[in-house]
Amino acid sequence: MSQIFPIIPPPDKTFWSLGIFILLMLGILCLFFYIAYSSSHLQVELNAEELRIRGDLYGRNIPVSSLVVNDASIIELDKQSPYYPSWRTNGIGLPGYLSGWFKLKNGDKGLLFVTDKKQVLYLPTDEDYSLLMSIKEPENFLEALQKLP
């Protein structure tokens, strides 16, 4: 004849901890889905007052007056480029998608929205950082920038 001796149940904080952990994991999963979605829905809008980058965690509005348009160019981001991102300081670095703040090979700070390293618009600002963006038609964008008053 055997006897059964139950174990004392865990305290309520065990279940609360598990619930908090599950919520945290769901939040991280939602963040990953947002990053995947935003990587293909980035937009750059240019008007006479500002340059708007939307659809990403690092999107922002940049006054046109702070853009150094004369130094803008279309570049290829290969390992020899002085603008190659060498260190991610606060950003997303996935294969085929670089977004956020990076330290560039030349030591400058860069705000990147790069999905194609072969055709990148390099646009310095007078705010101690440069923008690097993969724009579909960079020549047209550069022309529009140069036409701004």
N, C-alpha and C. Protein backbone atom coordinates (compact mmCIF):
# COMPACT_ATOMS: atom_id res chain seq x y z
N MET A 1 0.84 -1.16 0.00
CA MET A 1 0.00 0.00 0.00
C MET A 1 0.89 1.24 0.00
N SER A 2 0.66 2.17 -0.96
CA SER A 2 1.49 3.37 -1.07
C SER A 2 0.72 4.58 -0.58
N GLN A 3 1.50 5.54 -0.17
CA GLN A 3 0.91 6.80 0.28
C GLN A 3 1.34 7.91 -0.67
N ILE A 4 0.47 8.86 -0.88
CA ILE A 4 0.76 10.00 -1.76
C ILE A 4 0.95 11.23 -0.89
N PHE A 5 2.06 11.97 -1.17
CA PHE A 5 2.36 13.20 -0.44
C PHE A 5 2.52 14.33 -1.45
N PRO A 6 1.55 15.23 -1.52
CA PRO A 6 1.63 16.31 -2.52
C PRO A 6 2.74 17.31 -2.20
N ILE A 7 3.24 17.93 -3.26
CA ILE A 7 4.25 18.98 -3.13
C ILE A 7 3.52 20.29 -2.91
N ILE A 8 4.13 21.17 -2.15
CA ILE A 8 3.54 22.48 -1.89
C ILE A 8 3.53 23.25 -3.21
N PRO A 9 2.39 23.83 -3.61
CA PRO A 9 2.34 24.58 -4.88
C PRO A 9 3.23 25.82 -4.83
N PRO A 10 3.74 26.24 -6.00
CA PRO A 10 4.59 27.43 -6.03
C PRO A 10 3.78 28.68 -5.68
N PRO A 11 4.49 29.71 -5.22
CA PRO A 11 3.77 30.94 -4.89
C PRO A 11 3.22 31.62 -6.16
N ASP A 12 2.29 32.54 -5.96
CA ASP A 12 1.66 33.25 -7.10
C ASP A 12 2.68 34.01 -7.94
N LYS A 13 3.76 34.47 -7.32
CA LYS A 13 4.74 35.25 -8.09
C LYS A 13 5.38 34.43 -9.21
N THR A 14 5.38 33.10 -9.07
CA THR A 14 5.90 32.25 -10.14
C THR A 14 5.06 32.41 -11.40
N PHE A 15 3.76 32.40 -11.25
CA PHE A 15 2.87 32.54 -12.40
C PHE A 15 2.91 33.96 -12.96
N TRP A 16 3.04 34.96 -12.09
CA TRP A 16 3.18 36.34 -12.56
C TRP A 16 4.46 36.50 -13.36
N SER A 17 5.54 35.90 -12.88
CA SER A 17 6.82 35.98 -13.59
C SER A 17 6.71 35.34 -14.97
N LEU A 18 6.05 34.21 -15.03
CA LEU A 18 5.85 33.53 -16.31
C LEU A 18 5.00 34.39 -17.25
N GLY A 19 3.96 35.01 -16.73
CA GLY A 19 3.12 35.89 -17.54
C GLY A 19 3.89 37.09 -18.07
N ILE A 20 4.71 37.70 -17.23
CA ILE A 20 5.53 38.85 -17.65
C ILE A 20 6.51 38.42 -18.73
N PHE A 21 7.12 37.26 -18.56
CA PHE A 21 8.06 36.74 -19.56
C PHE A 21 7.36 36.53 -20.91
N ILE A 22 6.17 35.94 -20.88
CA ILE A 22 5.41 35.71 -22.12
C ILE A 22 5.05 37.03 -22.79
N LEU A 23 4.63 38.03 -22.02
CA LEU A 23 4.32 39.35 -22.59
C LEU A 23 5.56 40.00 -23.20
N LEU A 24 6.68 39.86 -22.53
CA LEU A 24 7.93 40.41 -23.05
C LEU A 24 8.30 39.75 -24.38
N MET A 25 8.17 38.44 -24.46
CA MET A 25 8.48 37.72 -25.70
C MET A 25 7.51 38.12 -26.82
N LEU A 26 6.24 38.31 -26.49
CA LEU A 26 5.28 38.76 -27.50
C LEU A 26 5.64 40.16 -27.99
N GLY A 27 6.07 41.03 -27.07
CA GLY A 27 6.49 42.38 -27.46
C GLY A 27 7.69 42.34 -28.40
N ILE A 28 8.65 41.49 -28.10
CA ILE A 28 9.84 41.35 -28.96
C ILE A 28 9.44 40.79 -30.33
N LEU A 29 8.54 39.82 -30.34
CA LEU A 29 8.06 39.26 -31.60
C LEU A 29 7.36 40.33 -32.44
N CYS A 30 6.54 41.15 -31.80
CA CYS A 30 5.87 42.25 -32.52
C CYS A 30 6.90 43.23 -33.08
N LEU A 31 7.95 43.53 -32.32
CA LEU A 31 9.01 44.41 -32.80
C LEU A 31 9.68 43.83 -34.04
N PHE A 32 9.96 42.54 -34.04
CA PHE A 32 10.58 41.90 -35.20
C PHE A 32 9.67 41.96 -36.42
N PHE A 33 8.38 41.74 -36.21
CA PHE A 33 7.44 41.85 -37.33
C PHE A 33 7.39 43.28 -37.86
N TYR A 34 7.43 44.26 -36.95
CA TYR A 34 7.43 45.66 -37.38
C TYR A 34 8.69 45.98 -38.18
N ILE A 35 9.83 45.49 -37.74
CA ILE A 35 11.09 45.72 -38.47
C ILE A 35 11.00 45.11 -39.86
N ALA A 36 10.49 43.89 -39.96
CA ALA A 36 10.35 43.24 -41.27
C ALA A 36 9.40 44.03 -42.16
N TYR A 37 8.29 44.48 -41.61
CA TYR A 37 7.32 45.26 -42.38
C TYR A 37 7.92 46.60 -42.82
N SER A 38 8.56 47.29 -41.88
CA SER A 38 9.07 48.64 -42.18
C SER A 38 10.22 48.61 -43.18
N SER A 39 10.96 47.52 -43.23
CA SER A 39 12.08 47.45 -44.16
C SER A 39 11.63 47.56 -45.62
N SER A 40 10.40 47.18 -45.89
CA SER A 40 9.91 47.28 -47.27
C SER A 40 8.88 48.39 -47.47
N HIS A 41 8.66 49.21 -46.46
CA HIS A 41 7.68 50.29 -46.56
C HIS A 41 8.26 51.65 -46.19
N LEU A 42 9.55 51.80 -46.33
CA LEU A 42 10.18 53.09 -46.05
C LEU A 42 9.85 54.09 -47.15
N GLN A 43 9.66 55.33 -46.76
CA GLN A 43 9.39 56.40 -47.72
C GLN A 43 10.22 57.63 -47.36
N VAL A 44 10.66 58.31 -48.39
CA VAL A 44 11.35 59.58 -48.22
C VAL A 44 10.53 60.63 -48.94
N GLU A 45 10.14 61.64 -48.21
CA GLU A 45 9.34 62.73 -48.77
C GLU A 45 10.16 64.01 -48.67
N LEU A 46 10.20 64.74 -49.77
CA LEU A 46 10.96 65.98 -49.83
C LEU A 46 10.04 67.13 -50.19
N ASN A 47 10.10 68.19 -49.40
CA ASN A 47 9.40 69.42 -49.76
C ASN A 47 10.32 70.59 -49.44
N ALA A 48 9.87 71.80 -49.64
CA ALA A 48 10.73 72.98 -49.49
C ALA A 48 11.22 73.18 -48.06
N GLU A 49 10.50 72.66 -47.08
CA GLU A 49 10.88 72.88 -45.68
C GLU A 49 11.68 71.74 -45.07
N GLU A 50 11.33 70.48 -45.44
CA GLU A 50 11.96 69.37 -44.75
C GLU A 50 12.04 68.10 -45.59
N LEU A 51 12.90 67.23 -45.14
CA LEU A 51 13.03 65.89 -45.68
C LEU A 51 12.44 64.95 -44.62
N ARG A 52 11.41 64.20 -45.01
CA ARG A 52 10.74 63.29 -44.07
C ARG A 52 11.08 61.85 -44.43
N ILE A 53 11.55 61.12 -43.45
CA ILE A 53 11.80 59.70 -43.62
C ILE A 53 10.80 59.00 -42.73
N ARG A 54 9.92 58.20 -43.35
CA ARG A 54 8.82 57.58 -42.60
C ARG A 54 8.78 56.08 -42.83
N GLY A 55 8.19 55.39 -41.84
CA GLY A 55 7.97 53.97 -41.97
C GLY A 55 9.01 53.12 -41.28
N ASP A 56 9.81 53.71 -40.40
CA ASP A 56 10.90 52.99 -39.76
C ASP A 56 11.07 53.51 -38.34
N LEU A 57 11.65 52.71 -37.47
CA LEU A 57 11.91 53.15 -36.10
C LEU A 57 12.79 54.40 -36.05
N TYR A 58 13.66 54.56 -37.02
CA TYR A 58 14.62 55.66 -37.02
C TYR A 58 14.22 56.81 -37.95
N GLY A 59 13.00 56.77 -38.44
CA GLY A 59 12.52 57.84 -39.31
C GLY A 59 12.48 59.16 -38.57
N ARG A 60 12.56 60.24 -39.32
CA ARG A 60 12.57 61.57 -38.71
C ARG A 60 12.31 62.64 -39.76
N ASN A 61 12.12 63.85 -39.29
CA ASN A 61 12.00 65.02 -40.15
C ASN A 61 13.28 65.82 -40.02
N ILE A 62 13.89 66.12 -41.15
CA ILE A 62 15.15 66.87 -41.16
C ILE A 62 14.92 68.15 -41.94
N PRO A 63 15.17 69.31 -41.33
CA PRO A 63 15.00 70.56 -42.06
C PRO A 63 15.92 70.61 -43.28
N VAL A 64 15.38 71.09 -44.40
CA VAL A 64 16.17 71.20 -45.62
C VAL A 64 17.37 72.13 -45.41
N SER A 65 17.20 73.11 -44.54
CA SER A 65 18.29 74.06 -44.28
C SER A 65 19.51 73.40 -43.65
N SER A 66 19.35 72.21 -43.05
CA SER A 66 20.50 71.54 -42.44
C SER A 66 21.17 70.54 -43.39
N LEU A 67 20.64 70.37 -44.59
CA LEU A 67 21.23 69.46 -45.56
C LEU A 67 22.34 70.16 -46.34
N VAL A 68 23.46 69.48 -46.53
CA VAL A 68 24.57 70.02 -47.32
C VAL A 68 24.46 69.42 -48.72
N VAL A 69 23.59 70.01 -49.52
CA VAL A 69 23.21 69.46 -50.82
C VAL A 69 24.40 69.43 -51.79
N ASN A 70 25.28 70.42 -51.72
CA ASN A 70 26.41 70.48 -52.65
C ASN A 70 27.37 69.30 -52.50
N ASP A 71 27.39 68.67 -51.32
CA ASP A 71 28.29 67.54 -51.10
C ASP A 71 27.59 66.19 -51.28
N ALA A 72 26.33 66.20 -51.66
CA ALA A 72 25.57 64.96 -51.85
C ALA A 72 26.08 64.24 -53.09
N SER A 73 26.05 62.91 -53.02
CA SER A 73 26.47 62.11 -54.18
C SER A 73 25.85 60.73 -54.11
N ILE A 74 25.93 60.04 -55.23
CA ILE A 74 25.46 58.66 -55.30
C ILE A 74 26.70 57.78 -55.23
N ILE A 75 26.71 56.87 -54.27
CA ILE A 75 27.90 56.05 -54.01
C ILE A 75 27.54 54.57 -53.98
N GLU A 76 28.58 53.75 -53.97
CA GLU A 76 28.42 52.32 -53.74
C GLU A 76 29.09 52.02 -52.41
N LEU A 77 28.38 51.35 -51.54
CA LEU A 77 28.90 51.03 -50.21
C LEU A 77 29.63 49.70 -50.24
N ASP A 78 30.89 49.73 -50.68
CA ASP A 78 31.70 48.52 -50.59
C ASP A 78 32.70 48.70 -49.46
N LYS A 79 33.44 47.68 -49.15
CA LYS A 79 34.36 47.71 -48.00
C LYS A 79 35.43 48.80 -48.13
N GLN A 80 35.74 49.24 -49.35
CA GLN A 80 36.75 50.27 -49.54
C GLN A 80 36.19 51.68 -49.40
N SER A 81 34.89 51.82 -49.41
CA SER A 81 34.27 53.14 -49.33
C SER A 81 34.51 53.76 -47.95
N PRO A 82 34.85 55.06 -47.92
CA PRO A 82 35.01 55.72 -46.62
C PRO A 82 33.70 55.85 -45.86
N TYR A 83 32.58 55.63 -46.55
CA TYR A 83 31.26 55.75 -45.92
C TYR A 83 30.70 54.39 -45.50
N TYR A 84 31.50 53.36 -45.63
CA TYR A 84 31.06 52.01 -45.25
C TYR A 84 30.77 51.97 -43.74
N PRO A 85 29.61 51.44 -43.34
CA PRO A 85 29.31 51.38 -41.91
C PRO A 85 30.21 50.36 -41.20
N SER A 86 31.00 50.87 -40.27
CA SER A 86 31.95 49.99 -39.59
C SER A 86 31.46 49.53 -38.22
N TRP A 87 30.56 50.30 -37.62
CA TRP A 87 30.11 49.96 -36.28
C TRP A 87 28.67 50.44 -36.09
N ARG A 88 27.80 49.55 -35.67
CA ARG A 88 26.41 49.92 -35.39
C ARG A 88 26.34 50.44 -33.97
N THR A 89 25.90 51.69 -33.81
CA THR A 89 25.80 52.26 -32.47
C THR A 89 24.38 52.18 -31.92
N ASN A 90 23.38 52.31 -32.77
CA ASN A 90 21.98 52.17 -32.37
C ASN A 90 21.17 51.95 -33.64
N GLY A 91 21.05 50.72 -34.05
CA GLY A 91 20.36 50.48 -35.30
C GLY A 91 20.08 49.02 -35.52
N ILE A 92 19.62 48.75 -36.71
CA ILE A 92 19.26 47.39 -37.14
C ILE A 92 20.25 47.01 -38.23
N GLY A 93 20.89 45.89 -38.08
CA GLY A 93 21.82 45.41 -39.09
C GLY A 93 21.49 43.99 -39.50
N LEU A 94 20.67 43.87 -40.51
CA LEU A 94 20.29 42.57 -41.04
C LEU A 94 20.83 42.44 -42.46
N PRO A 95 20.99 41.22 -42.95
CA PRO A 95 21.41 41.09 -44.35
C PRO A 95 20.40 41.78 -45.27
N GLY A 96 20.86 42.75 -46.02
CA GLY A 96 19.99 43.47 -46.94
C GLY A 96 19.21 44.61 -46.31
N TYR A 97 19.48 44.94 -45.05
CA TYR A 97 18.75 46.03 -44.39
C TYR A 97 19.57 46.62 -43.26
N LEU A 98 20.01 47.85 -43.46
CA LEU A 98 20.72 48.61 -42.43
C LEU A 98 19.90 49.85 -42.14
N SER A 99 19.54 50.03 -40.89
CA SER A 99 18.73 51.18 -40.52
C SER A 99 19.16 51.66 -39.14
N GLY A 100 19.30 52.97 -39.01
CA GLY A 100 19.65 53.54 -37.71
C GLY A 100 21.02 54.20 -37.73
N TRP A 101 21.58 54.32 -36.54
CA TRP A 101 22.84 55.05 -36.36
C TRP A 101 24.03 54.12 -36.44
N PHE A 102 25.00 54.51 -37.28
CA PHE A 102 26.21 53.73 -37.48
C PHE A 102 27.41 54.67 -37.46
N LYS A 103 28.55 54.14 -37.08
CA LYS A 103 29.82 54.84 -37.22
C LYS A 103 30.38 54.41 -38.57
N LEU A 104 30.75 55.38 -39.39
CA LEU A 104 31.25 55.09 -40.73
C LEU A 104 32.76 54.86 -40.69
N LYS A 105 33.27 54.26 -41.73
CA LYS A 105 34.70 53.93 -41.81
C LYS A 105 35.58 55.16 -41.68
N ASN A 106 35.11 56.31 -42.17
CA ASN A 106 35.89 57.55 -42.10
C ASN A 106 35.77 58.24 -40.73
N GLY A 107 35.04 57.62 -39.79
CA GLY A 107 34.90 58.17 -38.45
C GLY A 107 33.66 59.02 -38.24
N ASP A 108 32.95 59.34 -39.31
CA ASP A 108 31.74 60.14 -39.20
C ASP A 108 30.58 59.30 -38.65
N LYS A 109 29.56 60.01 -38.22
CA LYS A 109 28.33 59.38 -37.75
C LYS A 109 27.36 59.35 -38.92
N GLY A 110 26.67 58.22 -39.11
CA GLY A 110 25.75 58.10 -40.23
C GLY A 110 24.39 57.58 -39.79
N LEU A 111 23.35 58.16 -40.38
CA LEU A 111 21.99 57.66 -40.21
C LEU A 111 21.65 56.93 -41.50
N LEU A 112 21.52 55.60 -41.42
CA LEU A 112 21.38 54.78 -42.61
C LEU A 112 19.97 54.24 -42.78
N PHE A 113 19.57 54.20 -44.03
CA PHE A 113 18.35 53.52 -44.47
C PHE A 113 18.73 52.81 -45.76
N VAL A 114 19.51 51.75 -45.63
CA VAL A 114 20.14 51.10 -46.79
C VAL A 114 19.58 49.70 -46.99
N THR A 115 19.06 49.48 -48.19
CA THR A 115 18.58 48.15 -48.57
C THR A 115 19.36 47.60 -49.77
N ASP A 116 20.05 48.48 -50.48
CA ASP A 116 20.86 48.08 -51.64
C ASP A 116 22.15 48.87 -51.59
N LYS A 117 23.27 48.19 -51.33
CA LYS A 117 24.55 48.88 -51.17
C LYS A 117 25.16 49.35 -52.49
N LYS A 118 24.59 48.94 -53.60
CA LYS A 118 25.15 49.32 -54.90
C LYS A 118 24.74 50.71 -55.34
N GLN A 119 23.67 51.24 -54.78
CA GLN A 119 23.16 52.54 -55.20
C GLN A 119 22.63 53.27 -53.96
N VAL A 120 23.52 54.04 -53.33
CA VAL A 120 23.20 54.72 -52.08
C VAL A 120 23.39 56.22 -52.26
N LEU A 121 22.42 56.97 -51.79
CA LEU A 121 22.55 58.43 -51.81
C LEU A 121 23.23 58.85 -50.51
N TYR A 122 24.37 59.50 -50.64
CA TYR A 122 25.09 60.05 -49.50
C TYR A 122 24.73 61.52 -49.40
N LEU A 123 24.19 61.92 -48.24
CA LEU A 123 23.74 63.29 -48.05
C LEU A 123 24.19 63.79 -46.68
N PRO A 124 25.26 64.59 -46.64
CA PRO A 124 25.72 65.10 -45.35
C PRO A 124 24.80 66.20 -44.82
N THR A 125 24.83 66.39 -43.52
CA THR A 125 24.08 67.46 -42.87
C THR A 125 25.06 68.32 -42.07
N ASP A 126 24.58 69.48 -41.65
CA ASP A 126 25.43 70.31 -40.80
C ASP A 126 25.18 70.02 -39.31
N GLU A 127 24.56 68.87 -39.04
CA GLU A 127 24.26 68.47 -37.66
C GLU A 127 25.16 67.30 -37.21
N ASP A 128 26.35 67.20 -37.76
CA ASP A 128 27.35 66.19 -37.38
C ASP A 128 26.96 64.75 -37.71
N TYR A 129 26.19 64.56 -38.74
CA TYR A 129 25.93 63.22 -39.24
C TYR A 129 25.59 63.31 -40.71
N SER A 130 25.68 62.16 -41.37
CA SER A 130 25.33 62.07 -42.79
C SER A 130 24.21 61.06 -42.96
N LEU A 131 23.38 61.30 -43.96
CA LEU A 131 22.31 60.36 -44.32
C LEU A 131 22.81 59.48 -45.45
N LEU A 132 22.57 58.19 -45.35
CA LEU A 132 22.84 57.25 -46.43
C LEU A 132 21.56 56.48 -46.67
N MET A 133 21.01 56.62 -47.89
CA MET A 133 19.70 56.06 -48.18
C MET A 133 19.70 55.34 -49.52
N SER A 134 19.03 54.21 -49.56
CA SER A 134 18.81 53.49 -50.82
C SER A 134 17.50 53.98 -51.41
N ILE A 135 17.60 54.93 -52.31
CA ILE A 135 16.42 55.49 -52.95
C ILE A 135 16.31 54.89 -54.34
N LYS A 136 15.10 54.58 -54.74
CA LYS A 136 14.87 53.89 -56.02
C LYS A 136 15.47 54.64 -57.20
N GLU A 137 15.26 55.92 -57.29
CA GLU A 137 15.82 56.72 -58.38
C GLU A 137 16.65 57.85 -57.77
N PRO A 138 17.87 57.53 -57.34
CA PRO A 138 18.67 58.53 -56.62
C PRO A 138 19.02 59.75 -57.47
N GLU A 139 19.15 59.58 -58.78
CA GLU A 139 19.47 60.72 -59.64
C GLU A 139 18.33 61.75 -59.61
N ASN A 140 17.10 61.26 -59.67
CA ASN A 140 15.94 62.16 -59.63
C ASN A 140 15.83 62.84 -58.27
N PHE A 141 16.11 62.11 -57.21
CA PHE A 141 16.07 62.69 -55.87
C PHE A 141 17.13 63.76 -55.72
N LEU A 142 18.33 63.47 -56.19
CA LEU A 142 19.43 64.44 -56.11
C LEU A 142 19.11 65.69 -56.92
N GLU A 143 18.51 65.50 -58.07
CA GLU A 143 18.09 66.64 -58.90
C GLU A 143 17.03 67.48 -58.19
N ALA A 144 16.07 66.82 -57.54
CA ALA A 144 15.03 67.53 -56.78
C ALA A 144 15.64 68.29 -55.60
N LEU A 145 16.63 67.71 -54.97
CA LEU A 145 17.32 68.39 -53.86
C LEU A 145 18.01 69.66 -54.35
N GLN A 146 18.68 69.55 -55.49
CA GLN A 146 19.41 70.69 -56.02
C GLN A 146 18.51 71.80 -56.51
N LYS A 147 17.26 71.50 -56.83
CA LYS A 147 16.31 72.51 -57.30
C LYS A 147 15.64 73.26 -56.15
N LEU A 148 15.80 72.77 -54.93
CA LEU A 148 15.17 73.43 -53.79
C LEU A 148 15.76 74.83 -53.60
N PRO A 149 14.92 75.77 -53.14
CA PRO A 149 15.43 77.13 -52.94
C PRO A 149 16.42 77.23 -51.78
